[in-house]
Amino acid sequence: MSKILSAGPVKIGGDNPLVLIAGPCVIENKEHTLVLARALQEIAERVGVGLVFKASYDKANRTSVKSYRGPGIDEGLKILSAVKEETGLPVVSDVHDVSQVKAAAEVLDIMQVPAFLSRQTDLLVAVGEAGRIVNIKKGQFQAPWDMENAIGKVLSTGNEQILLTERGSCFGYNNLVSDMRSLVIMRQTGCPVVFDATHSVQLPGGAGSTSSGQREFVAPLSRAAVATGVDALFWEVHEDPAKALCDGPNSLHLDAVETLLRQMLALDEIVRS
């Protein structure tokens, strides 16, 4: 059984029910972020699931230099602070550089290390020292057992609050594949495990200057992951994915969240029983 971590009122791991981590890929503006956070919160309350709101203040790993990255750390953290103040939801965002850690730790409940940076020792140590929950996304180039080394870097700081996230592995060019065995293997570390369904269906660089995606596979992969026994699901959500400023092709439509989430919770209850 995995450890139990507390992100605000949300308990992740152990024998606690499935948790949802959800929100837009990137912060587009304050109004949009708050509207989406409230909409997701209402859905979570109706279905009875713990929710952590996710939105990135900066996407430093966009395919093209011309792609929208977000409002930046200063404005982005102000917006995430507003989400916390107005909804009470815990929040998570990507941290790309050691210089961002101190400011981010003052706002974020969970500090997320992006998959491309999952081997960066200085960053893992810095977020560990910040004392927040650390969500390490497994690199697309890493085996699940390799995550023991990333865990060790955070543990070296005395911080044992660690989540591991599966988001697919490179399979040829511009394609990812999800190996459900990795969820079982990573959970053997004792860390709660998250399945990032929407990034797992991303086609990196698949549209030339941007990534593409296969949204139609979010539901079946989510069902498979929950049946395997994960602690949380990670969905990027947008009310109009075609107009999203980042990761629209692999984002889940807001209107689809409640129905799919009820399926996930029903599966989770069967697995845990």
C-alpha atoms as a PDB file:
ATOM      1  CA  MET A   1       0.000   0.000   0.000  1.00  0.00           C
ATOM      2  CA  SER A   2       1.278   3.466  -0.862  1.00  0.00           C
ATOM      3  CA  LYS A   3       1.890   6.291   1.579  1.00  0.00           C
ATOM      4  CA  ILE A   4      -0.852   8.808   2.305  1.00  0.00           C
ATOM      5  CA  LEU A   5      -0.092  12.376   1.265  1.00  0.00           C
ATOM      6  CA  SER A   6      -2.199  15.416   2.129  1.00  0.00           C
ATOM      7  CA  ALA A   7      -2.665  18.220  -0.395  1.00  0.00           C
ATOM      8  CA  GLY A   8      -4.854  20.584   1.596  1.00  0.00           C
ATOM      9  CA  PRO A   9      -7.990  18.576   2.440  1.00  0.00           C
ATOM     10  CA  VAL A  10      -7.301  15.998  -0.292  1.00  0.00           C
ATOM     11  CA  LYS A  11      -5.784  12.676   0.769  1.00  0.00           C
ATOM     12  CA  ILE A  12      -3.822  10.810  -1.902  1.00  0.00           C
ATOM     13  CA  GLY A  13      -2.662   7.226  -1.494  1.00  0.00           C
ATOM     14  CA  GLY A  14      -3.118   4.443   1.011  1.00  0.00           C
ATOM     15  CA  ASP A  15      -6.632   3.064   0.930  1.00  0.00           C
ATOM     16  CA  ASN A  16      -8.131   6.455   0.093  1.00  0.00           C
ATOM     17  CA  PRO A  17     -10.445   6.676  -2.939  1.00  0.00           C
ATOM     18  CA  LEU A  18      -9.270   7.842  -6.339  1.00  0.00           C
ATOM     19  CA  VAL A  19      -8.269  11.518  -6.593  1.00  0.00           C
ATOM     20  CA  LEU A  20      -8.566  13.733  -9.677  1.00  0.00           C
ATOM     21  CA  ILE A  21      -5.839  16.192 -10.692  1.00  0.00           C
ATOM     22  CA  ALA A  22      -7.330  18.368 -13.413  1.00  0.00           C
ATOM     23  CA  GLY A  23      -7.281  21.741 -15.109  1.00  0.00           C
ATOM     24  CA  PRO A  24      -6.090  23.444 -18.291  1.00  0.00           C
ATOM     25  CA  CYS A  25      -2.634  22.692 -19.646  1.00  0.00           C
ATOM     26  CA  VAL A  26      -1.599  26.312 -19.253  1.00  0.00           C
ATOM     27  CA  ILE A  27      -2.993  29.415 -17.558  1.00  0.00           C
ATOM     28  CA  GLU A  28      -4.606  31.453 -20.333  1.00  0.00           C
ATOM     29  CA  ASN A  29      -5.861  34.307 -18.161  1.00  0.00           C
ATOM     30  CA  LYS A  30      -7.260  34.817 -14.677  1.00  0.00           C
ATOM     31  CA  GLU A  31     -10.956  34.793 -15.595  1.00  0.00           C
ATOM     32  CA  HIS A  32     -10.706  31.604 -17.649  1.00  0.00           C
ATOM     33  CA  THR A  33      -8.708  29.845 -14.943  1.00  0.00           C
ATOM     34  CA  LEU A  34     -11.194  30.722 -12.197  1.00  0.00           C
ATOM     35  CA  VAL A  35     -14.211  29.736 -14.298  1.00  0.00           C
ATOM     36  CA  LEU A  36     -12.681  26.363 -15.104  1.00  0.00           C
ATOM     37  CA  ALA A  37     -11.602  25.785 -11.495  1.00  0.00           C
ATOM     38  CA  ARG A  38     -15.129  26.471 -10.220  1.00  0.00           C
ATOM     39  CA  ALA A  39     -16.666  24.227 -12.902  1.00  0.00           C
ATOM     40  CA  LEU A  40     -14.364  21.350 -11.995  1.00  0.00           C
ATOM     41  CA  GLN A  41     -14.998  21.911  -8.307  1.00  0.00           C
ATOM     42  CA  GLU A  42     -18.765  21.685  -8.832  1.00  0.00           C
ATOM     43  CA  ILE A  43     -18.338  18.418 -10.736  1.00  0.00           C
ATOM     44  CA  ALA A  44     -16.035  17.008  -8.059  1.00  0.00           C
ATOM     45  CA  GLU A  45     -18.507  17.890  -5.318  1.00  0.00           C
ATOM     46  CA  ARG A  46     -21.412  16.283  -7.198  1.00  0.00           C
ATOM     47  CA  VAL A  47     -19.604  12.999  -7.763  1.00  0.00           C
ATOM     48  CA  GLY A  48     -17.745  13.005  -4.445  1.00  0.00           C
ATOM     49  CA  VAL A  49     -14.081  13.005  -5.469  1.00  0.00           C
ATOM     50  CA  GLY A  50     -11.057  14.825  -4.108  1.00  0.00           C
ATOM     51  CA  LEU A  51      -9.807  17.430  -6.596  1.00  0.00           C
ATOM     52  CA  VAL A  52      -6.431  19.096  -7.045  1.00  0.00           C
ATOM     53  CA  PHE A  53      -6.468  21.936  -9.581  1.00  0.00           C
ATOM     54  CA  LYS A  54      -3.664  21.905 -12.146  1.00  0.00           C
ATOM     55  CA  ALA A  55      -2.527  24.704 -14.447  1.00  0.00           C
ATOM     56  CA  SER A  56       0.959  25.670 -15.600  1.00  0.00           C
ATOM     57  CA  TYR A  57       2.211  29.238 -15.227  1.00  0.00           C
ATOM     58  CA  ASP A  58       4.904  28.479 -17.802  1.00  0.00           C
ATOM     59  CA  LYS A  59       5.297  25.675 -20.344  1.00  0.00           C
ATOM     60  CA  ALA A  60       9.016  25.891 -20.960  1.00  0.00           C
ATOM     61  CA  ASN A  61       9.050  22.761 -23.116  1.00  0.00           C
ATOM     62  CA  ARG A  62       6.707  23.850 -25.935  1.00  0.00           C
ATOM     63  CA  THR A  63       7.607  22.468 -29.372  1.00  0.00           C
ATOM     64  CA  SER A  64       8.123  25.867 -31.040  1.00  0.00           C
ATOM     65  CA  VAL A  65       9.550  29.155 -29.789  1.00  0.00           C
ATOM     66  CA  LYS A  66       6.380  30.763 -31.207  1.00  0.00           C
ATOM     67  CA  SER A  67       4.042  28.686 -29.015  1.00  0.00           C
ATOM     68  CA  TYR A  68       2.209  30.278 -26.077  1.00  0.00           C
ATOM     69  CA  ARG A  69       3.987  29.431 -22.838  1.00  0.00           C
ATOM     70  CA  GLY A  70       1.758  31.047 -20.226  1.00  0.00           C
ATOM     71  CA  PRO A  71       1.719  34.278 -18.237  1.00  0.00           C
ATOM     72  CA  GLY A  72       5.006  33.557 -16.460  1.00  0.00           C
ATOM     73  CA  ILE A  73       5.754  32.756 -12.843  1.00  0.00           C
ATOM     74  CA  ASP A  74       4.809  36.084 -11.205  1.00  0.00           C
ATOM     75  CA  GLU A  75       1.395  36.544 -12.805  1.00  0.00           C
ATOM     76  CA  GLY A  76       0.760  32.805 -12.889  1.00  0.00           C
ATOM     77  CA  LEU A  77       1.310  32.343  -9.168  1.00  0.00           C
ATOM     78  CA  LYS A  78      -0.994  35.296  -8.452  1.00  0.00           C
ATOM     79  CA  ILE A  79      -3.718  33.564 -10.471  1.00  0.00           C
ATOM     80  CA  LEU A  80      -3.159  30.231  -8.725  1.00  0.00           C
ATOM     81  CA  SER A  81      -3.301  32.054  -5.378  1.00  0.00           C
ATOM     82  CA  ALA A  82      -6.668  33.469  -6.429  1.00  0.00           C
ATOM     83  CA  VAL A  83      -7.871  29.947  -7.259  1.00  0.00           C
ATOM     84  CA  LYS A  84      -6.925  28.797  -3.760  1.00  0.00           C
ATOM     85  CA  GLU A  85      -8.515  31.805  -2.094  1.00  0.00           C
ATOM     86  CA  GLU A  86     -11.793  31.653  -4.027  1.00  0.00           C
ATOM     87  CA  THR A  87     -12.292  27.870  -4.184  1.00  0.00           C
ATOM     88  CA  GLY A  88     -10.201  26.372  -1.395  1.00  0.00           C
ATOM     89  CA  LEU A  89      -8.763  23.863  -3.875  1.00  0.00           C
ATOM     90  CA  PRO A  90      -5.152  22.728  -3.562  1.00  0.00           C
ATOM     91  CA  VAL A  91      -3.082  23.568  -6.639  1.00  0.00           C
ATOM     92  CA  VAL A  92      -0.221  22.080  -8.622  1.00  0.00           C
ATOM     93  CA  SER A  93       1.977  23.558 -11.331  1.00  0.00           C
ATOM     94  CA  ASP A  94       5.220  22.746 -13.146  1.00  0.00           C
ATOM     95  CA  VAL A  95       8.518  24.003 -11.778  1.00  0.00           C
ATOM     96  CA  HIS A  96      11.195  24.132 -14.485  1.00  0.00           C
ATOM     97  CA  ASP A  97      14.160  25.727 -12.794  1.00  0.00           C
ATOM     98  CA  VAL A  98      15.789  25.961  -9.361  1.00  0.00           C
ATOM     99  CA  SER A  99      15.302  29.737  -9.451  1.00  0.00           C
ATOM    100  CA  GLN A 100      11.511  29.241  -9.471  1.00  0.00           C
ATOM    101  CA  VAL A 101      11.316  26.972  -6.427  1.00  0.00           C
ATOM    102  CA  LYS A 102      11.170  29.495  -3.572  1.00  0.00           C
ATOM    103  CA  ALA A 103       8.340  31.577  -5.041  1.00  0.00           C
ATOM    104  CA  ALA A 104       6.417  28.523  -6.254  1.00  0.00           C
ATOM    105  CA  ALA A 105       6.599  26.860  -2.830  1.00  0.00           C
ATOM    106  CA  GLU A 106       4.792  29.810  -1.277  1.00  0.00           C
ATOM    107  CA  VAL A 107       1.697  29.045  -3.370  1.00  0.00           C
ATOM    108  CA  LEU A 108       1.730  25.467  -4.644  1.00  0.00           C
ATOM    109  CA  ASP A 109       0.530  22.505  -2.621  1.00  0.00           C
ATOM    110  CA  ILE A 110       2.220  20.137  -5.075  1.00  0.00           C
ATOM    111  CA  MET A 111       5.361  21.035  -7.001  1.00  0.00           C
ATOM    112  CA  GLN A 112       5.522  19.156 -10.289  1.00  0.00           C
ATOM    113  CA  VAL A 113       8.780  18.175 -11.967  1.00  0.00           C
ATOM    114  CA  PRO A 114       8.114  17.857 -15.715  1.00  0.00           C
ATOM    115  CA  ALA A 115       8.905  14.556 -17.436  1.00  0.00           C
ATOM    116  CA  PHE A 116      11.726  16.036 -19.510  1.00  0.00           C
ATOM    117  CA  LEU A 117      13.413  17.178 -16.259  1.00  0.00           C
ATOM    118  CA  SER A 118      12.950  14.012 -14.188  1.00  0.00           C
ATOM    119  CA  ARG A 119      16.716  13.366 -14.065  1.00  0.00           C
ATOM    120  CA  GLN A 120      17.722  16.932 -13.142  1.00  0.00           C
ATOM    121  CA  THR A 121      19.414  16.463  -9.780  1.00  0.00           C
ATOM    122  CA  ASP A 122      19.567  20.123  -8.740  1.00  0.00           C
ATOM    123  CA  LEU A 123      15.881  20.641  -9.487  1.00  0.00           C
ATOM    124  CA  LEU A 124      14.764  17.477  -7.672  1.00  0.00           C
ATOM    125  CA  VAL A 125      16.831  18.405  -4.625  1.00  0.00           C
ATOM    126  CA  ALA A 126      15.542  21.982  -4.627  1.00  0.00           C
ATOM    127  CA  VAL A 127      11.872  21.001  -4.781  1.00  0.00           C
ATOM    128  CA  GLY A 128      12.512  18.384  -2.114  1.00  0.00           C
ATOM    129  CA  GLU A 129      14.035  20.995   0.181  1.00  0.00           C
ATOM    130  CA  ALA A 130      10.986  23.226  -0.320  1.00  0.00           C
ATOM    131  CA  GLY A 131       8.999  20.784   1.822  1.00  0.00           C
ATOM    132  CA  ARG A 132       5.941  20.529  -0.420  1.00  0.00           C
ATOM    133  CA  ILE A 133       4.590  17.396  -2.066  1.00  0.00           C
ATOM    134  CA  VAL A 134       6.741  16.643  -5.107  1.00  0.00           C
ATOM    135  CA  ASN A 135       5.104  15.096  -8.179  1.00  0.00           C
ATOM    136  CA  ILE A 136       7.790  13.577 -10.404  1.00  0.00           C
ATOM    137  CA  LYS A 137       6.539  12.820 -13.891  1.00  0.00           C
ATOM    138  CA  LYS A 138       8.354   9.802 -15.319  1.00  0.00           C
ATOM    139  CA  GLY A 139      10.395  10.761 -18.348  1.00  0.00           C
ATOM    140  CA  GLN A 140       9.194   9.470 -21.700  1.00  0.00           C
ATOM    141  CA  PHE A 141      12.684   7.974 -21.986  1.00  0.00           C
ATOM    142  CA  GLN A 142      12.754   6.227 -18.590  1.00  0.00           C
ATOM    143  CA  ALA A 143      11.856   2.776 -17.372  1.00  0.00           C
ATOM    144  CA  PRO A 144       9.566   2.660 -14.321  1.00  0.00           C
ATOM    145  CA  TRP A 145      12.313   1.175 -12.133  1.00  0.00           C
ATOM    146  CA  ASP A 146      14.550   4.126 -13.019  1.00  0.00           C
ATOM    147  CA  MET A 147      12.293   6.286 -10.866  1.00  0.00           C
ATOM    148  CA  GLU A 148      13.968   4.876  -7.762  1.00  0.00           C
ATOM    149  CA  ASN A 149      16.890   7.191  -8.555  1.00  0.00           C
ATOM    150  CA  ALA A 150      14.644  10.251  -8.879  1.00  0.00           C
ATOM    151  CA  ILE A 151      12.941   9.316  -5.610  1.00  0.00           C
ATOM    152  CA  GLY A 152      16.329   9.002  -3.951  1.00  0.00           C
ATOM    153  CA  LYS A 153      17.275  12.535  -4.930  1.00  0.00           C
ATOM    154  CA  VAL A 154      14.180  13.960  -3.227  1.00  0.00           C
ATOM    155  CA  LEU A 155      14.540  11.645  -0.222  1.00  0.00           C
ATOM    156  CA  SER A 156      18.100  12.918   0.264  1.00  0.00           C
ATOM    157  CA  THR A 157      16.553  16.195   1.447  1.00  0.00           C
ATOM    158  CA  GLY A 158      14.462  14.452   4.111  1.00  0.00           C
ATOM    159  CA  ASN A 159      11.238  15.044   2.151  1.00  0.00           C
ATOM    160  CA  GLU A 160       9.218  11.827   1.825  1.00  0.00           C
ATOM    161  CA  GLN A 161       6.166  13.445   0.202  1.00  0.00           C
ATOM    162  CA  ILE A 162       6.549  12.081  -3.300  1.00  0.00           C
ATOM    163  CA  LEU A 163       4.086  11.283  -6.078  1.00  0.00           C
ATOM    164  CA  LEU A 164       5.059   9.466  -9.270  1.00  0.00           C
ATOM    165  CA  THR A 165       3.223  10.096 -12.534  1.00  0.00           C
ATOM    166  CA  GLU A 166       3.118   7.895 -15.629  1.00  0.00           C
ATOM    167  CA  ARG A 167       2.599   9.848 -18.862  1.00  0.00           C
ATOM    168  CA  GLY A 168       3.594   7.373 -21.554  1.00  0.00           C
ATOM    169  CA  SER A 169       6.884   6.290 -23.088  1.00  0.00           C
ATOM    170  CA  CYS A 170       8.411   7.118 -26.471  1.00  0.00           C
ATOM    171  CA  PHE A 171       7.350   4.629 -29.135  1.00  0.00           C
ATOM    172  CA  GLY A 172       9.070   5.547 -32.372  1.00  0.00           C
ATOM    173  CA  TYR A 173       8.747   9.101 -33.605  1.00  0.00           C
ATOM    174  CA  ASN A 174       5.948  11.459 -32.473  1.00  0.00           C
ATOM    175  CA  ASN A 175       4.176   8.728 -30.534  1.00  0.00           C
ATOM    176  CA  LEU A 176       3.776   7.495 -26.964  1.00  0.00           C
ATOM    177  CA  VAL A 177       2.591   4.207 -25.524  1.00  0.00           C
ATOM    178  CA  SER A 178       1.341   3.470 -22.004  1.00  0.00           C
ATOM    179  CA  ASP A 179       2.581   0.306 -20.324  1.00  0.00           C
ATOM    180  CA  MET A 180       0.188  -0.462 -17.468  1.00  0.00           C
ATOM    181  CA  ARG A 181       2.870  -2.605 -15.816  1.00  0.00           C
ATOM    182  CA  SER A 182       4.730   0.595 -14.977  1.00  0.00           C
ATOM    183  CA  LEU A 183       1.890   1.654 -12.661  1.00  0.00           C
ATOM    184  CA  VAL A 184       2.304  -1.521 -10.627  1.00  0.00           C
ATOM    185  CA  ILE A 185       6.101  -1.303 -10.637  1.00  0.00           C
ATOM    186  CA  MET A 186       6.180   2.337  -9.522  1.00  0.00           C
ATOM    187  CA  ARG A 187       3.614   1.709  -6.778  1.00  0.00           C
ATOM    188  CA  GLN A 188       6.006  -0.862  -5.299  1.00  0.00           C
ATOM    189  CA  THR A 189       8.197   2.083  -4.281  1.00  0.00           C
ATOM    190  CA  GLY A 190       5.590   3.038  -1.690  1.00  0.00           C
ATOM    191  CA  CYS A 191       4.851   6.334  -3.442  1.00  0.00           C
ATOM    192  CA  PRO A 192       1.291   7.064  -4.584  1.00  0.00           C
ATOM    193  CA  VAL A 193       1.022   6.736  -8.364  1.00  0.00           C
ATOM    194  CA  VAL A 194      -0.799   9.031 -10.779  1.00  0.00           C
ATOM    195  CA  PHE A 195      -1.790   8.200 -14.347  1.00  0.00           C
ATOM    196  CA  ASP A 196      -1.657  11.175 -16.691  1.00  0.00           C
ATOM    197  CA  ALA A 197      -4.163  10.033 -19.296  1.00  0.00           C
ATOM    198  CA  THR A 198      -4.233  13.175 -21.410  1.00  0.00           C
ATOM    199  CA  HIS A 199      -0.456  13.447 -21.875  1.00  0.00           C
ATOM    200  CA  SER A 200      -0.292   9.719 -22.569  1.00  0.00           C
ATOM    201  CA  VAL A 201      -2.338  10.294 -25.732  1.00  0.00           C
ATOM    202  CA  GLN A 202      -0.230  13.244 -26.857  1.00  0.00           C
ATOM    203  CA  LEU A 203       1.648  12.971 -30.143  1.00  0.00           C
ATOM    204  CA  PRO A 204       4.795  15.011 -29.342  1.00  0.00           C
ATOM    205  CA  GLY A 205       5.603  17.345 -32.209  1.00  0.00           C
ATOM    206  CA  GLY A 206       2.974  15.512 -34.228  1.00  0.00           C
ATOM    207  CA  ALA A 207       1.659  18.667 -35.865  1.00  0.00           C
ATOM    208  CA  GLY A 208       5.014  20.017 -36.932  1.00  0.00           C
ATOM    209  CA  SER A 209       5.429  23.166 -34.852  1.00  0.00           C
ATOM    210  CA  THR A 210       3.049  21.893 -32.141  1.00  0.00           C
ATOM    211  CA  SER A 211       2.102  18.591 -30.563  1.00  0.00           C
ATOM    212  CA  SER A 212      -1.014  16.741 -31.609  1.00  0.00           C
ATOM    213  CA  GLY A 213      -3.059  14.161 -29.719  1.00  0.00           C
ATOM    214  CA  GLN A 214      -5.671  11.433 -29.725  1.00  0.00           C
ATOM    215  CA  ARG A 215      -8.346  12.505 -27.267  1.00  0.00           C
ATOM    216  CA  GLU A 216     -10.500   9.481 -28.122  1.00  0.00           C
ATOM    217  CA  PHE A 217      -8.126   7.249 -26.151  1.00  0.00           C
ATOM    218  CA  VAL A 218      -8.274   9.210 -22.875  1.00  0.00           C
ATOM    219  CA  ALA A 219     -11.310   7.271 -21.617  1.00  0.00           C
ATOM    220  CA  PRO A 220     -10.096   3.714 -22.333  1.00  0.00           C
ATOM    221  CA  LEU A 221      -6.617   4.385 -20.972  1.00  0.00           C
ATOM    222  CA  SER A 222      -8.102   5.978 -17.852  1.00  0.00           C
ATOM    223  CA  ARG A 223     -10.296   2.941 -17.293  1.00  0.00           C
ATOM    224  CA  ALA A 224      -7.316   0.627 -17.713  1.00  0.00           C
ATOM    225  CA  ALA A 225      -5.222   2.623 -15.243  1.00  0.00           C
ATOM    226  CA  VAL A 226      -7.937   2.713 -12.590  1.00  0.00           C
ATOM    227  CA  ALA A 227      -8.489  -1.019 -13.026  1.00  0.00           C
ATOM    228  CA  THR A 228      -4.757  -1.469 -12.425  1.00  0.00           C
ATOM    229  CA  GLY A 229      -5.042   0.397  -9.138  1.00  0.00           C
ATOM    230  CA  VAL A 230      -3.723   3.971  -9.320  1.00  0.00           C
ATOM    231  CA  ASP A 231      -4.129   6.580  -6.605  1.00  0.00           C
ATOM    232  CA  ALA A 232      -5.012   9.510  -8.862  1.00  0.00           C
ATOM    233  CA  LEU A 233      -5.887  10.414 -12.434  1.00  0.00           C
ATOM    234  CA  PHE A 234      -4.464  13.453 -14.195  1.00  0.00           C
ATOM    235  CA  TRP A 235      -6.647  15.046 -16.872  1.00  0.00           C
ATOM    236  CA  GLU A 236      -6.014  18.262 -18.742  1.00  0.00           C
ATOM    237  CA  VAL A 237      -9.454  19.799 -19.278  1.00  0.00           C
ATOM    238  CA  HIS A 238     -10.767  22.664 -21.390  1.00  0.00           C
ATOM    239  CA  GLU A 239     -14.283  23.877 -22.196  1.00  0.00           C
ATOM    240  CA  ASP A 240     -13.307  24.245 -25.864  1.00  0.00           C
ATOM    241  CA  PRO A 241     -10.195  22.161 -26.618  1.00  0.00           C
ATOM    242  CA  ALA A 242     -10.097  23.367 -30.238  1.00  0.00           C
ATOM    243  CA  LYS A 243      -9.348  26.870 -28.915  1.00  0.00           C
ATOM    244  CA  ALA A 244      -7.008  25.864 -26.086  1.00  0.00           C
ATOM    245  CA  LEU A 245      -3.666  27.667 -26.189  1.00  0.00           C
ATOM    246  CA  CYS A 246      -1.780  24.473 -25.339  1.00  0.00           C
ATOM    247  CA  ASP A 247      -2.443  20.719 -25.693  1.00  0.00           C
ATOM    248  CA  GLY A 248      -5.938  21.112 -27.098  1.00  0.00           C
ATOM    249  CA  PRO A 249      -5.872  17.898 -29.208  1.00  0.00           C
ATOM    250  CA  ASN A 250      -5.252  15.726 -26.149  1.00  0.00           C
ATOM    251  CA  SER A 251      -7.304  17.699 -23.606  1.00  0.00           C
ATOM    252  CA  LEU A 252     -10.572  16.315 -22.311  1.00  0.00           C
ATOM    253  CA  HIS A 253     -13.696  18.371 -23.010  1.00  0.00           C
ATOM    254  CA  LEU A 254     -15.207  19.802 -19.824  1.00  0.00           C
ATOM    255  CA  ASP A 255     -18.635  18.427 -20.775  1.00  0.00           C
ATOM    256  CA  ALA A 256     -17.227  14.881 -20.761  1.00  0.00           C
ATOM    257  CA  VAL A 257     -15.657  15.033 -17.310  1.00  0.00           C
ATOM    258  CA  GLU A 258     -18.585  14.173 -15.043  1.00  0.00           C
ATOM    259  CA  THR A 259     -19.791  11.077 -16.902  1.00  0.00           C
ATOM    260  CA  LEU A 260     -16.285   9.702 -17.305  1.00  0.00           C
ATOM    261  CA  LEU A 261     -15.385  10.494 -13.715  1.00  0.00           C
ATOM    262  CA  ARG A 262     -18.397   8.545 -12.420  1.00  0.00           C
ATOM    263  CA  GLN A 263     -17.175   5.532 -14.410  1.00  0.00           C
ATOM    264  CA  MET A 264     -13.716   5.896 -12.882  1.00  0.00           C
ATOM    265  CA  LEU A 265     -15.059   6.036  -9.337  1.00  0.00           C
ATOM    266  CA  ALA A 266     -17.227   2.960  -9.909  1.00  0.00           C
ATOM    267  CA  LEU A 267     -14.181   1.060 -11.178  1.00  0.00           C
ATOM    268  CA  ASP A 268     -12.059   2.335  -8.311  1.00  0.00           C
ATOM    269  CA  GLU A 269     -14.594   1.078  -5.777  1.00  0.00           C
ATOM    270  CA  ILE A 270     -14.526  -2.402  -7.334  1.00  0.00           C
ATOM    271  CA  VAL A 271     -10.730  -2.510  -7.356  1.00  0.00           C
ATOM    272  CA  ARG A 272     -10.398  -1.343  -3.752  1.00  0.00           C
ATOM    273  CA  SER A 273     -13.006  -3.836  -2.551  1.00  0.00           C
END
